[in-house]
Amino acid sequence: MTGKHYAWHKAWQRLPNGRLRHASGAEFIVTRGPGYTDINAAPETLGEFQAHELMRGVPPHDLAQRLIRLAREAGEWLERN
């Protein structure tokens, strides 16, 4: 039996430019430093992300929280891959 988040990692891919891309169209810029890793959404991909999420039925007021969760998920994916 599988849970709600089974195979969540399949929605992610690393692009040749070093960014992480989610199936929703959101891309995240990874910046590593001594003792930290910053993961920020690429502003030029937010329109595609919003269109995808609204098409799925996500309410507009939940988009920001969804993007924050995806940034955390990108960090988890980065640790594992």
Protein backbone atom coordinates (compact mmCIF):
# COMPACT_ATOMS: atom_id res chain seq x y z
CA MET A 1 0.00 0.00 0.00
CA THR A 2 1.35 3.43 -0.87
CA GLY A 3 0.83 6.76 0.82
CA LYS A 4 -0.22 10.13 -0.55
CA HIS A 5 3.34 11.20 -1.29
CA TYR A 6 4.54 7.97 -2.88
CA ALA A 7 7.08 8.64 -5.67
CA TRP A 8 7.19 12.40 -4.94
CA HIS A 9 10.79 12.45 -6.12
CA LYS A 10 9.79 11.61 -9.70
CA ALA A 11 8.40 15.13 -10.13
CA TRP A 12 11.92 16.60 -9.84
CA GLN A 13 14.82 16.91 -12.25
CA ARG A 14 18.16 18.68 -12.31
CA LEU A 15 18.66 20.97 -15.30
CA PRO A 16 22.01 21.43 -17.09
CA ASN A 17 22.26 24.97 -15.65
CA GLY A 18 22.19 23.56 -12.09
CA ARG A 19 18.62 24.49 -11.30
CA LEU A 20 16.03 22.08 -9.95
CA ARG A 21 12.75 21.86 -11.89
CA HIS A 22 9.46 20.57 -10.53
CA ALA A 23 6.76 19.08 -12.75
CA SER A 24 4.62 22.15 -12.00
CA GLY A 25 7.06 24.32 -13.97
CA ALA A 26 8.65 25.96 -10.93
CA GLU A 27 12.44 26.12 -11.07
CA PHE A 28 14.66 26.63 -8.06
CA ILE A 29 18.11 28.19 -7.98
CA VAL A 30 20.52 26.40 -5.65
CA THR A 31 23.28 28.46 -4.04
CA ARG A 32 25.76 26.64 -1.83
CA GLY A 33 28.01 28.29 0.67
CA PRO A 34 30.14 27.23 3.64
CA GLY A 35 27.65 25.52 5.95
CA TYR A 36 24.46 26.46 4.12
CA THR A 37 22.45 25.89 0.96
CA ASP A 38 19.95 28.49 -0.29
CA ILE A 39 17.08 27.35 -2.51
CA ASN A 40 15.13 30.17 -4.16
CA ALA A 41 12.39 30.13 -6.77
CA ALA A 42 13.40 31.50 -10.17
CA PRO A 43 11.09 34.50 -10.75
CA GLU A 44 10.70 33.89 -14.48
CA THR A 45 9.09 30.48 -13.81
CA LEU A 46 6.40 31.67 -11.39
CA GLY A 47 3.83 32.34 -14.13
CA GLU A 48 4.04 28.77 -15.39
CA PHE A 49 3.86 27.47 -11.81
CA GLN A 50 0.77 29.56 -11.02
CA ALA A 51 -1.02 28.50 -14.21
CA HIS A 52 -0.30 24.83 -13.50
CA GLU A 53 -1.45 25.00 -9.89
CA LEU A 54 -4.62 26.97 -10.69
CA MET A 55 -5.46 24.41 -13.39
CA ARG A 56 -5.16 21.69 -10.71
CA GLY A 57 -7.67 23.55 -8.56
CA VAL A 58 -5.33 25.03 -5.96
CA PRO A 59 -6.95 28.19 -4.53
CA PRO A 60 -5.00 31.39 -5.28
CA HIS A 61 -4.50 32.12 -1.57
CA ASP A 62 -2.62 28.79 -1.19
CA LEU A 63 -0.07 29.36 -3.97
CA ALA A 64 2.56 31.01 -1.75
CA GLN A 65 2.44 28.18 0.80
CA ARG A 66 2.65 25.62 -1.99
CA LEU A 67 5.77 27.32 -3.40
CA ILE A 68 7.40 27.36 0.05
CA ARG A 69 6.64 23.65 0.46
CA LEU A 70 8.16 22.95 -2.95
CA ALA A 71 11.33 24.80 -1.95
CA ARG A 72 11.60 22.55 1.13
CA GLU A 73 10.93 19.51 -1.03
CA ALA A 74 13.66 20.64 -3.44
CA GLY A 75 16.07 20.65 -0.49
CA GLU A 76 15.08 17.07 0.39
CA TRP A 77 15.49 15.97 -3.23
CA LEU A 78 18.88 17.66 -3.40
CA GLU A 79 20.10 15.77 -0.31
CA ARG A 80 19.04 12.43 -1.78
CA ASN A 81 20.37 12.98 -5.31
